[in-house]
N, C-alpha and C. Protein backbone atom coordinates (compact mmCIF):
# COMPACT_ATOMS: atom_id res chain seq x y z
N MET A 1 1.01 -1.19 0.00
CA MET A 1 -0.33 -0.18 0.16
C MET A 1 0.71 1.23 0.05
N ILE A 2 0.61 2.35 -1.07
CA ILE A 2 0.91 3.64 -1.02
C ILE A 2 0.68 4.65 0.18
N PRO A 3 2.04 5.02 1.03
CA PRO A 3 1.34 5.82 2.29
C PRO A 3 0.43 6.94 1.46
N ARG A 4 -0.22 7.72 2.07
CA ARG A 4 -1.36 8.83 1.50
C ARG A 4 -0.26 9.54 1.06
N GLY A 5 0.11 10.24 1.39
CA GLY A 5 1.49 11.49 1.06
C GLY A 5 1.93 11.17 -0.29
N ARG A 6 1.88 9.32 -0.59
CA ARG A 6 2.80 9.75 -1.91
C ARG A 6 2.01 9.54 -2.59
N ALA A 7 0.65 8.87 -2.33
CA ALA A 7 -0.25 9.07 -3.28
C ALA A 7 -0.36 9.79 -3.92
N SER A 8 -0.80 10.85 -2.48
CA SER A 8 -1.05 12.04 -3.40
C SER A 8 0.06 12.89 -4.32
N LEU A 9 1.21 12.54 -3.83
CA LEU A 9 2.35 13.04 -4.80
C LEU A 9 2.14 12.23 -6.58
N ARG A 10 1.75 11.17 -6.15
CA ARG A 10 1.49 10.16 -7.64
C ARG A 10 0.48 11.21 -8.17
N HIS A 11 -1.09 11.55 -7.43
CA HIS A 11 -1.82 11.72 -8.29
C HIS A 11 -1.46 13.16 -8.80
N HIS A 12 -0.76 14.06 -7.87
CA HIS A 12 -0.05 15.63 -8.61
C HIS A 12 0.40 15.05 -9.80
N ALA A 13 1.56 14.77 -9.88
CA ALA A 13 2.45 14.47 -10.67
C ALA A 13 1.67 13.85 -12.35
N ARG A 14 0.97 13.13 -12.15
CA ARG A 14 0.29 12.87 -13.05
C ARG A 14 -0.51 13.74 -14.21
N HIS A 15 -0.31 14.96 -13.41
CA HIS A 15 -1.07 16.29 -14.57
C HIS A 15 -0.40 17.23 -14.32
N MET A 16 1.04 17.17 -14.43
CA MET A 16 2.65 17.70 -14.70
C MET A 16 3.48 17.03 -15.57
N THR A 17 3.97 17.63 -16.18
CA THR A 17 4.94 17.64 -16.93
C THR A 17 6.49 18.03 -16.79
N SER A 18 7.69 17.42 -16.30
CA SER A 18 8.60 17.16 -15.67
C SER A 18 10.07 16.80 -15.81
N VAL A 19 11.02 17.19 -15.98
CA VAL A 19 12.18 16.53 -16.44
C VAL A 19 13.34 16.74 -15.08
N HIS A 20 14.23 15.61 -14.85
CA HIS A 20 14.71 15.85 -13.23
C HIS A 20 16.25 14.86 -14.24
N VAL A 21 17.29 15.74 -13.73
CA VAL A 21 18.54 15.00 -13.91
C VAL A 21 18.87 13.75 -13.06
N LEU A 22 19.03 12.74 -13.33
CA LEU A 22 19.54 11.89 -12.21
C LEU A 22 20.72 11.65 -11.90
N HIS A 23 22.02 11.89 -13.53
CA HIS A 23 23.60 10.92 -13.13
C HIS A 23 24.03 12.39 -14.09
N THR A 24 24.43 12.99 -13.81
CA THR A 24 25.33 13.58 -14.64
C THR A 24 26.50 12.89 -15.44
N GLY A 25 26.64 13.35 -16.67
CA GLY A 25 27.56 12.11 -17.19
C GLY A 25 29.24 13.04 -17.57
N TYR A 26 29.91 11.87 -18.18
CA TYR A 26 31.02 12.68 -18.36
C TYR A 26 31.77 11.72 -19.87
N ALA A 27 32.82 12.25 -20.10
CA ALA A 27 33.75 11.60 -21.02
C ALA A 27 34.75 11.99 -20.93
N ALA A 28 35.97 10.92 -20.53
CA ALA A 28 36.88 11.37 -20.18
C ALA A 28 37.81 10.15 -20.13
N ASN A 29 38.57 9.87 -18.82
CA ASN A 29 39.26 8.56 -19.07
C ASN A 29 38.60 7.72 -18.69
N ARG A 30 37.19 7.76 -17.98
CA ARG A 30 35.81 6.74 -18.01
C ARG A 30 34.60 8.12 -18.53
N VAL A 31 33.60 6.86 -19.03
CA VAL A 31 32.26 7.24 -19.42
C VAL A 31 31.34 6.81 -19.02
N GLY A 32 30.04 7.65 -18.90
CA GLY A 32 28.83 7.91 -18.37
C GLY A 32 28.18 8.59 -19.36
N SER A 33 26.62 8.22 -19.43
CA SER A 33 25.80 9.37 -19.83
C SER A 33 24.82 9.86 -19.07
N THR A 34 24.84 10.81 -19.36
CA THR A 34 23.74 11.66 -18.75
C THR A 34 22.48 10.89 -18.50
N VAL A 35 21.63 10.77 -17.52
CA VAL A 35 20.58 10.21 -17.05
C VAL A 35 19.59 10.93 -16.94
N SER A 36 18.46 11.18 -17.14
CA SER A 36 17.42 11.66 -16.98
C SER A 36 16.06 10.86 -16.49
N LEU A 37 14.94 11.29 -15.65
CA LEU A 37 13.44 11.11 -15.64
C LEU A 37 12.50 11.97 -16.48
N VAL A 38 11.85 11.78 -16.84
CA VAL A 38 10.63 12.81 -17.57
C VAL A 38 9.30 11.96 -17.30
N ARG A 39 8.50 12.79 -16.33
CA ARG A 39 7.19 12.79 -16.26
C ARG A 39 6.30 13.29 -17.07
N ASP A 40 5.45 12.71 -17.53
CA ASP A 40 4.61 13.39 -18.07
C ASP A 40 3.22 12.46 -18.33
N GLY A 41 1.96 12.99 -17.62
CA GLY A 41 0.93 12.67 -17.23
C GLY A 41 1.47 11.45 -16.60
N ASP A 42 0.48 10.03 -17.27
CA ASP A 42 0.93 8.53 -16.81
C ASP A 42 2.18 7.68 -16.78
N ALA A 43 3.02 8.68 -17.55
CA ALA A 43 4.42 7.67 -18.12
C ALA A 43 5.62 8.51 -17.31
N ILE A 44 6.28 7.32 -17.15
CA ILE A 44 7.44 7.74 -16.41
C ILE A 44 8.79 7.46 -17.31
N ILE A 45 9.29 7.97 -17.76
CA ILE A 45 9.90 8.34 -19.02
C ILE A 45 11.70 8.20 -18.38
N VAL A 46 12.53 6.71 -17.96
CA VAL A 46 14.13 7.06 -17.77
C VAL A 46 15.20 7.43 -19.23
N VAL A 47 15.80 8.29 -19.64
CA VAL A 47 16.76 8.67 -20.82
C VAL A 47 18.09 8.15 -20.66
N ASP A 48 18.17 6.89 -20.87
CA ASP A 48 19.62 6.77 -21.42
C ASP A 48 20.59 5.89 -20.15
N PRO A 49 20.09 5.09 -19.93
CA PRO A 49 20.35 4.30 -18.30
C PRO A 49 21.66 4.10 -18.60
N ASP A 50 23.00 4.87 -18.01
CA ASP A 50 23.85 4.10 -18.63
C ASP A 50 25.16 3.64 -18.10
N MET A 51 26.15 3.29 -18.59
CA MET A 51 27.08 2.98 -17.75
C MET A 51 27.69 3.71 -16.27
N VAL A 52 27.37 3.28 -15.28
CA VAL A 52 27.37 4.65 -13.97
C VAL A 52 28.49 3.21 -13.10
N ALA A 53 29.58 3.94 -12.15
CA ALA A 53 30.57 3.58 -11.11
C ALA A 53 29.52 2.41 -9.98
N ASP A 54 28.41 2.89 -10.21
CA ASP A 54 27.54 1.82 -8.94
C ASP A 54 25.62 2.63 -9.43
N ARG A 55 25.15 1.46 -9.51
CA ARG A 55 23.60 1.74 -9.91
C ARG A 55 22.85 2.41 -9.35
N SER A 56 23.90 2.67 -8.01
CA SER A 56 22.53 2.97 -6.86
C SER A 56 22.51 4.78 -7.67
N ARG A 57 23.92 4.89 -8.62
CA ARG A 57 23.86 6.42 -8.99
C ARG A 57 22.63 7.09 -9.68
N ILE A 58 22.04 5.64 -10.24
CA ILE A 58 20.70 5.52 -11.16
C ILE A 58 19.83 5.88 -10.21
N LEU A 59 19.63 4.48 -9.44
CA LEU A 59 18.48 4.33 -8.17
C LEU A 59 18.39 4.95 -7.47
N GLY A 60 19.15 5.81 -6.70
CA GLY A 60 19.39 6.21 -5.80
C GLY A 60 18.51 7.62 -5.44
N PRO A 61 18.82 8.37 -6.69
CA PRO A 61 18.06 9.61 -7.10
C PRO A 61 16.57 9.30 -7.82
N LEU A 62 16.21 8.18 -8.50
CA LEU A 62 15.16 7.81 -8.95
C LEU A 62 14.26 7.89 -7.47
N ALA A 63 14.34 6.97 -6.89
CA ALA A 63 13.51 6.69 -5.47
C ALA A 63 13.43 7.92 -4.48
N ALA A 64 14.41 9.10 -5.05
CA ALA A 64 14.63 9.98 -4.19
C ALA A 64 12.83 11.06 -4.83
N LEU A 65 13.00 10.87 -5.97
CA LEU A 65 11.88 11.53 -6.54
C LEU A 65 10.52 10.66 -6.33
N GLY A 66 10.70 9.45 -5.76
CA GLY A 66 9.62 8.56 -5.48
C GLY A 66 8.99 7.59 -6.26
N VAL A 67 9.86 6.97 -7.18
CA VAL A 67 9.49 6.27 -8.61
C VAL A 67 11.00 5.03 -8.13
N GLU A 68 9.80 3.89 -8.08
CA GLU A 68 10.33 2.83 -8.03
C GLU A 68 10.58 1.82 -9.42
N PRO A 69 11.56 1.39 -9.81
CA PRO A 69 12.39 0.90 -10.97
C PRO A 69 10.67 0.42 -11.99
N HIS A 70 9.95 -0.74 -10.61
CA HIS A 70 9.14 -1.60 -11.73
C HIS A 70 7.79 0.21 -12.40
N GLU A 71 8.24 0.92 -11.33
CA GLU A 71 6.97 1.89 -12.24
C GLU A 71 7.10 2.42 -13.30
N VAL A 72 8.86 2.39 -14.04
CA VAL A 72 9.32 3.42 -15.20
C VAL A 72 8.50 2.37 -16.46
N THR A 73 7.71 3.17 -17.00
CA THR A 73 7.13 2.69 -18.39
C THR A 73 7.29 2.90 -19.64
N HIS A 74 8.30 3.84 -19.49
CA HIS A 74 9.12 3.97 -20.96
C HIS A 74 10.87 4.25 -20.71
N VAL A 75 11.61 3.38 -21.26
CA VAL A 75 13.22 3.81 -21.57
C VAL A 75 13.47 4.02 -22.52
N PHE A 76 14.19 5.45 -22.71
CA PHE A 76 14.24 6.31 -24.28
C PHE A 76 15.94 5.49 -24.55
N ILE A 77 16.54 5.56 -25.82
CA ILE A 77 18.13 5.77 -25.80
C ILE A 77 17.94 6.64 -27.07
N SER A 78 19.16 7.19 -26.67
CA SER A 78 19.20 7.83 -28.04
C SER A 78 20.33 7.69 -29.11
N HIS A 79 20.47 6.41 -28.75
CA HIS A 79 21.28 5.72 -29.94
C HIS A 79 22.12 4.25 -29.07
N HIS A 80 22.83 3.66 -29.73
CA HIS A 80 22.68 2.30 -29.25
C HIS A 80 24.29 2.06 -28.66
N HIS A 81 25.08 2.96 -28.45
CA HIS A 81 26.50 2.83 -28.01
C HIS A 81 26.25 2.56 -26.43
N PRO A 82 26.89 1.30 -25.64
CA PRO A 82 26.83 0.49 -24.51
C PRO A 82 26.70 1.88 -23.29
N ASP A 83 27.48 2.86 -23.25
CA ASP A 83 27.56 3.30 -22.09
C ASP A 83 26.40 4.81 -22.25
N HIS A 84 25.03 4.36 -23.09
CA HIS A 84 23.86 4.92 -23.07
C HIS A 84 22.72 3.95 -23.01
N THR A 85 23.09 2.73 -22.72
CA THR A 85 22.24 1.78 -22.81
C THR A 85 22.40 0.04 -21.76
N VAL A 86 23.37 0.34 -21.01
CA VAL A 86 24.18 -0.91 -20.36
C VAL A 86 23.13 -0.84 -19.04
N ASN A 87 22.30 -0.30 -18.82
CA ASN A 87 21.23 -0.20 -17.21
C ASN A 87 19.95 -0.61 -18.01
N ILE A 88 19.73 -0.95 -19.44
CA ILE A 88 17.74 -0.51 -19.40
C ILE A 88 17.17 -1.66 -18.71
N ALA A 89 17.56 -3.04 -18.39
CA ALA A 89 17.19 -4.16 -17.35
C ALA A 89 17.09 -3.61 -16.17
N LEU A 90 17.87 -2.19 -15.62
CA LEU A 90 17.32 -1.87 -14.31
C LEU A 90 15.43 -1.85 -14.60
N PHE A 91 14.90 -1.67 -15.23
CA PHE A 91 13.16 -1.50 -15.34
C PHE A 91 12.59 -2.18 -16.11
N PRO A 92 11.80 -3.41 -15.38
CA PRO A 92 11.49 -4.37 -16.34
C PRO A 92 10.54 -4.09 -16.87
N ASN A 93 9.46 -3.60 -16.39
CA ASN A 93 8.39 -3.28 -17.17
C ASN A 93 8.42 -1.96 -17.77
N ALA A 94 9.28 -1.56 -18.11
CA ALA A 94 9.36 -0.72 -19.32
C ALA A 94 9.53 -1.00 -20.40
N GLU A 95 9.04 -0.13 -21.41
CA GLU A 95 8.75 -0.55 -23.22
C GLU A 95 9.73 0.59 -23.60
N VAL A 96 10.92 -0.12 -24.28
CA VAL A 96 12.06 0.63 -24.50
C VAL A 96 12.09 1.18 -25.97
N VAL A 97 12.50 2.53 -25.94
CA VAL A 97 11.85 3.35 -27.31
C VAL A 97 13.37 3.89 -27.95
N ASP A 98 13.82 3.09 -29.12
CA ASP A 98 15.06 4.07 -30.08
C ASP A 98 14.13 4.58 -31.37
N PHE A 99 14.89 4.84 -32.28
CA PHE A 99 14.86 5.40 -33.79
C PHE A 99 13.99 5.34 -33.92
N TRP A 100 13.40 3.88 -33.85
CA TRP A 100 12.89 3.45 -35.09
C TRP A 100 11.92 2.61 -34.44
N ALA A 101 11.83 1.75 -33.70
CA ALA A 101 11.01 1.07 -33.02
C ALA A 101 10.38 1.09 -30.95
N ARG A 102 9.80 0.00 -30.85
CA ARG A 102 9.40 0.48 -29.57
C ARG A 102 9.46 -1.33 -28.95
N TYR A 103 10.26 -1.74 -27.51
CA TYR A 103 10.76 -2.89 -27.54
C TYR A 103 9.66 -3.38 -26.30
N ARG A 104 8.67 -4.24 -26.51
CA ARG A 104 8.08 -4.84 -24.82
C ARG A 104 8.31 -6.34 -24.92
N ALA A 105 9.05 -7.06 -23.67
CA ALA A 105 9.04 -8.48 -23.76
C ALA A 105 9.68 -8.71 -25.33
N ASP A 106 9.29 -9.68 -25.71
CA ASP A 106 9.42 -9.76 -26.67
C ASP A 106 8.75 -9.61 -28.30
N GLU A 107 8.04 -8.46 -28.47
CA GLU A 107 7.57 -7.74 -28.92
C GLU A 107 8.72 -6.64 -29.70
N TRP A 108 8.61 -7.00 -31.33
CA TRP A 108 9.31 -5.34 -32.03
C TRP A 108 8.63 -5.03 -32.45
N LEU A 109 7.76 -3.41 -32.20
CA LEU A 109 6.63 -3.09 -32.74
C LEU A 109 7.81 -1.47 -33.18
N ASP A 110 7.16 -1.54 -34.11
CA ASP A 110 7.53 -0.33 -34.92
C ASP A 110 6.60 1.09 -34.30
N HIS A 111 6.98 2.29 -34.54
CA HIS A 111 6.76 3.41 -34.47
C HIS A 111 6.74 4.41 -35.54
N ASP A 112 6.16 5.58 -35.63
CA ASP A 112 5.86 6.37 -36.37
C ASP A 112 7.32 7.06 -36.98
N GLY A 113 8.42 7.10 -36.21
CA GLY A 113 9.76 8.04 -36.40
C GLY A 113 10.05 9.30 -36.06
N ASP A 114 9.72 10.19 -36.55
CA ASP A 114 10.61 11.45 -35.91
C ASP A 114 8.85 11.87 -36.43
N GLY A 115 8.76 12.66 -35.25
CA GLY A 115 7.55 13.17 -34.34
C GLY A 115 6.73 12.37 -34.10
N TYR A 116 7.11 10.71 -33.29
CA TYR A 116 6.80 9.52 -32.64
C TYR A 116 6.57 10.64 -31.25
N GLN A 117 5.18 10.54 -30.83
CA GLN A 117 4.60 10.94 -29.34
C GLN A 117 5.02 9.77 -28.30
N LEU A 118 5.94 9.99 -27.35
CA LEU A 118 6.02 8.59 -26.25
C LEU A 118 4.93 9.06 -25.12
N SER A 119 4.47 10.21 -25.48
CA SER A 119 3.61 10.57 -24.55
C SER A 119 2.74 12.06 -24.83
N PRO A 120 1.66 12.75 -24.12
CA PRO A 120 1.09 13.60 -24.63
C PRO A 120 2.08 14.97 -24.69
N ARG A 121 3.25 15.51 -24.06
CA ARG A 121 3.84 16.34 -24.20
C ARG A 121 5.21 16.02 -24.48
N THR A 122 5.44 14.80 -25.22
CA THR A 122 6.91 13.89 -25.28
C THR A 122 7.15 13.63 -26.55
N GLU A 123 7.94 13.91 -27.20
CA GLU A 123 7.82 13.60 -28.88
C GLU A 123 9.53 12.96 -29.50
N LEU A 124 9.87 12.23 -29.91
CA LEU A 124 10.63 11.47 -30.41
C LEU A 124 11.15 12.28 -31.61
N TRP A 125 12.49 12.83 -32.05
CA TRP A 125 13.06 13.76 -33.37
C TRP A 125 14.21 12.48 -33.55
N LEU A 126 14.63 12.58 -35.33
CA LEU A 126 15.02 11.76 -35.63
C LEU A 126 16.16 12.97 -35.66
N THR A 127 17.50 12.65 -35.52
CA THR A 127 18.76 13.20 -35.38
C THR A 127 19.93 12.58 -35.50
N PRO A 128 20.01 12.07 -36.58
CA PRO A 128 20.95 11.19 -36.69
C PRO A 128 22.09 12.38 -37.14
N GLY A 129 23.82 11.85 -36.60
CA GLY A 129 25.23 12.59 -36.50
C GLY A 129 26.09 11.55 -35.66
N HIS A 130 25.83 11.79 -34.83
CA HIS A 130 26.53 11.17 -33.96
C HIS A 130 26.89 9.59 -34.61
N THR A 131 25.40 9.20 -34.45
CA THR A 131 25.52 8.06 -35.19
C THR A 131 24.58 7.75 -35.92
N GLU A 132 24.03 6.68 -36.86
CA GLU A 132 23.62 6.77 -38.21
C GLU A 132 21.93 6.97 -37.56
N GLU A 133 21.53 6.22 -35.90
CA GLU A 133 20.24 5.78 -35.29
C GLU A 133 19.79 6.63 -34.37
N ASP A 134 20.87 8.07 -34.06
CA ASP A 134 20.74 8.71 -33.00
C ASP A 134 19.11 9.56 -33.36
N ALA A 135 18.46 9.58 -32.12
CA ALA A 135 17.48 10.42 -31.54
C ALA A 135 17.48 11.35 -30.69
N THR A 136 16.64 12.40 -30.54
CA THR A 136 16.42 13.66 -29.16
C THR A 136 15.04 13.28 -28.69
N LEU A 137 14.92 13.29 -27.66
CA LEU A 137 13.62 13.64 -27.09
C LEU A 137 13.07 14.96 -27.15
N ILE A 138 12.12 15.60 -27.18
CA ILE A 138 11.90 16.83 -26.69
C ILE A 138 10.67 16.76 -25.84
N VAL A 139 10.86 17.38 -24.67
CA VAL A 139 9.89 17.29 -23.56
C VAL A 139 9.14 18.65 -23.77
N ARG A 140 7.93 19.20 -24.20
CA ARG A 140 7.61 20.44 -23.78
C ARG A 140 7.09 20.37 -21.74
N ALA A 141 7.70 20.58 -21.04
CA ALA A 141 7.55 20.87 -19.56
C ALA A 141 6.74 21.95 -19.20
N ASP A 142 5.90 21.57 -17.93
CA ASP A 142 5.57 22.86 -17.50
C ASP A 142 6.39 23.95 -17.37
N ASP A 143 8.19 23.91 -17.09
CA ASP A 143 8.83 24.93 -16.68
C ASP A 143 9.63 25.05 -17.92
N ALA A 144 9.66 24.96 -19.04
CA ALA A 144 10.60 24.82 -20.20
C ALA A 144 10.29 24.07 -21.42
N THR A 145 11.07 24.08 -22.70
CA THR A 145 10.88 23.07 -23.66
C THR A 145 12.17 21.94 -23.50
N TYR A 146 12.31 21.11 -23.31
CA TYR A 146 13.54 20.36 -22.88
C TYR A 146 14.42 19.62 -24.37
N ALA A 147 15.08 19.53 -24.24
CA ALA A 147 16.04 18.31 -25.55
C ALA A 147 16.79 17.89 -25.22
N LEU A 148 16.99 15.91 -24.91
CA LEU A 148 17.76 15.59 -24.06
C LEU A 148 18.19 14.39 -25.48
N THR A 149 19.64 14.96 -25.48
CA THR A 149 19.95 14.52 -27.05
C THR A 149 21.75 14.32 -26.99
N HIS A 150 22.35 13.78 -27.98
CA HIS A 150 23.72 13.19 -27.77
C HIS A 150 23.91 14.49 -29.09
N LEU A 151 23.62 15.54 -29.46
CA LEU A 151 23.73 16.58 -30.40
C LEU A 151 25.10 16.93 -29.90
N TRP A 152 25.35 17.31 -28.92
CA TRP A 152 26.12 17.79 -28.14
C TRP A 152 27.04 16.58 -26.71
N TRP A 153 28.11 16.58 -26.46
CA TRP A 153 28.25 15.70 -25.35
C TRP A 153 28.64 16.53 -24.08
N ARG A 154 28.88 17.79 -24.01
CA ARG A 154 28.94 18.50 -22.70
C ARG A 154 28.10 19.97 -22.69
N SER A 155 28.05 20.08 -21.76
CA SER A 155 27.30 21.88 -21.63
C SER A 155 28.34 22.79 -22.11
N ASP A 156 29.11 22.34 -22.37
CA ASP A 156 30.21 23.72 -22.71
C ASP A 156 29.86 23.64 -24.57
N ARG A 157 29.21 22.58 -25.30
CA ARG A 157 29.12 22.63 -26.43
C ARG A 157 30.71 22.01 -27.26
N THR A 158 31.15 21.40 -26.16
CA THR A 158 32.28 20.59 -27.09
C THR A 158 31.95 19.39 -27.12
N PRO A 159 32.66 18.14 -28.11
CA PRO A 159 33.75 19.27 -29.06
C PRO A 159 32.74 19.51 -29.97
N ASP A 160 32.84 20.53 -30.47
CA ASP A 160 32.01 21.18 -31.42
C ASP A 160 32.07 20.77 -32.86
N ILE A 161 33.69 19.44 -33.41
CA ILE A 161 33.58 18.60 -33.82
C ILE A 161 33.64 17.30 -33.87
N ASP A 162 32.15 16.51 -33.72
CA ASP A 162 32.21 14.99 -33.07
C ASP A 162 33.11 14.16 -33.71
N PRO A 163 34.10 13.36 -33.07
CA PRO A 163 34.89 12.90 -33.59
C PRO A 163 34.85 11.48 -33.39
N LEU A 164 33.50 10.88 -33.38
CA LEU A 164 32.43 9.92 -33.72
C LEU A 164 31.31 9.56 -34.93
N ALA A 165 31.97 11.09 -35.13
CA ALA A 165 30.56 11.39 -35.87
C ALA A 165 30.39 10.56 -36.98
N TRP A 166 28.95 10.17 -36.81
CA TRP A 166 29.03 9.35 -38.22
C TRP A 166 28.73 10.48 -39.72
N ASP A 167 28.22 11.27 -39.73
CA ASP A 167 27.51 12.56 -40.56
C ASP A 167 28.09 13.47 -39.39
N GLN A 168 28.60 14.34 -39.66
CA GLN A 168 28.97 15.84 -39.10
C GLN A 168 27.95 16.86 -39.69
N ALA A 169 28.05 16.70 -41.05
CA ALA A 169 27.08 18.06 -41.66
C ALA A 169 25.12 17.34 -41.49
N ALA A 170 24.82 16.51 -41.08
CA ALA A 170 23.53 15.99 -40.45
C ALA A 170 23.47 16.34 -39.33
N LEU A 171 24.52 16.61 -38.37
CA LEU A 171 24.48 16.69 -36.76
C LEU A 171 24.42 18.18 -36.99
N GLU A 172 25.23 18.78 -37.20
CA GLU A 172 24.64 20.06 -37.68
C GLU A 172 23.35 20.70 -37.60
N ARG A 173 22.79 19.95 -38.93
CA ARG A 173 21.19 20.04 -38.73
C ARG A 173 20.56 19.93 -37.98
N GLY A 174 20.54 18.89 -37.36
CA GLY A 174 19.99 18.49 -36.13
C GLY A 174 20.11 19.30 -34.97
N ARG A 175 21.38 20.35 -34.74
CA ARG A 175 21.77 21.22 -33.59
C ARG A 175 20.58 22.27 -34.19
N GLU A 176 20.91 22.62 -35.15
CA GLU A 176 20.09 23.57 -35.80
C GLU A 176 18.40 24.17 -35.33
N ARG A 177 18.21 22.85 -35.32
CA ARG A 177 16.61 21.93 -35.42
C ARG A 177 16.40 22.66 -34.08
N VAL A 178 17.32 21.61 -33.07
CA VAL A 178 16.91 21.30 -31.34
C VAL A 178 16.62 22.60 -31.05
N LEU A 179 17.69 23.66 -31.74
CA LEU A 179 17.99 25.21 -31.20
C LEU A 179 16.92 26.32 -31.05
N ALA A 180 16.26 25.78 -32.02
CA ALA A 180 15.01 26.91 -32.44
C ALA A 180 13.88 26.37 -31.53
N VAL A 181 14.01 25.02 -31.14
CA VAL A 181 12.59 25.03 -30.15
C VAL A 181 13.11 25.52 -28.42
N ALA A 182 14.24 24.29 -28.33
CA ALA A 182 14.59 24.09 -27.09
C ALA A 182 15.50 25.10 -26.13
N ASP A 183 14.49 25.50 -25.19
CA ASP A 183 15.09 26.19 -23.71
C ASP A 183 16.36 25.69 -23.10
N ILE A 184 15.95 24.50 -22.76
CA ILE A 184 17.63 23.87 -22.20
C ILE A 184 17.72 22.53 -22.81
N VAL A 185 19.20 22.47 -23.07
CA VAL A 185 19.56 21.41 -23.28
C VAL A 185 19.87 20.18 -22.88
N ILE A 186 20.02 19.02 -22.50
CA ILE A 186 20.44 18.08 -21.97
C ILE A 186 21.44 17.29 -22.76
N PRO A 187 22.91 17.53 -22.29
CA PRO A 187 23.34 16.72 -23.71
C PRO A 187 23.71 15.43 -23.45
N GLY A 188 24.47 14.65 -24.13
CA GLY A 188 25.13 13.05 -23.44
C GLY A 188 25.85 13.16 -22.31
N HIS A 189 26.70 13.93 -22.28
CA HIS A 189 27.61 13.60 -20.95
C HIS A 189 28.01 14.65 -20.22
N GLY A 190 27.00 15.79 -20.02
CA GLY A 190 26.96 16.46 -18.90
C GLY A 190 25.71 17.36 -18.57
N GLU A 191 26.42 18.55 -17.75
CA GLU A 191 24.98 19.23 -16.90
C GLU A 191 24.22 19.63 -18.30
N PRO A 192 23.14 20.46 -18.44
CA PRO A 192 22.27 21.18 -18.71
C PRO A 192 22.57 22.25 -19.31
N PHE A 193 22.07 22.96 -20.24
CA PHE A 193 22.49 24.62 -20.87
C PHE A 193 21.66 24.78 -21.27
N HIS A 194 21.41 26.44 -20.83
CA HIS A 194 20.18 27.30 -21.54
C HIS A 194 20.46 27.91 -23.26
N VAL A 195 19.83 27.73 -23.48
CA VAL A 195 19.36 28.34 -24.76
C VAL A 195 19.27 29.58 -24.80
N ALA A 196 20.15 30.66 -24.81
CA ALA A 196 19.71 32.13 -25.18
C ALA A 196 19.24 31.97 -26.53
N ARG A 197 18.12 33.23 -26.22
CA ARG A 197 17.10 33.35 -27.50
C ARG A 197 17.20 35.20 -27.71
C-alpha cells in the first residue's frame, strides 16, 4: 500500500510534465551518459540508463523522486552505444524506445519515426549525426522545453566537431533544429545548458 502522502504526490504528478537529471554524465578517462527522468501524465520515462560506477547513482535519485524501477513505463535511448544502454534491464516493465521501434518483452513494434509521441508532451525527433540511429527526446515540460540529446557531448557544447560522428553535416542540421525550439538542452555527457534567445 502506498502511503497517503506519496499517493497524493503521484496523483499530482500525473497532471504535470517535468524533467529531472538523475546522473550527470562525463567523457574523459571514464565514460557515462547523463541519465534523466521525464514525467508526463501517466508516463514515467528514463532516458539513456548508462554505464555508472554504481547503479545506486541511478536508483538513488530515482527513489528520492518517489519512483520505483518497476514503475518506469518507458526507457528512451538516444543511440545504441553501450554507455547509453547498459542499465536498461533495471526497469523490467518499461517499453524501450529507440529511433525506429518500441520493444516490450519479445515484441518488436514499429513507431512513426520522426515526431513519434511517447506521451502527450514528449516527442521523438530523428537527429542522426553522432551515429546513424541517433534520436532526440523533446519534452514540453511545465517550466521549459527540453531537448535530451547526443547532438552535444557537454554543457560547454564541446567537442564542436564530434570525433565519432557518422555524419557531421547531419549533426549540424540536428543542432539547428533543436536550438530553434529548446530552452534547455541536456547533452549526452554533461550538465544541462540554457539556450539564449
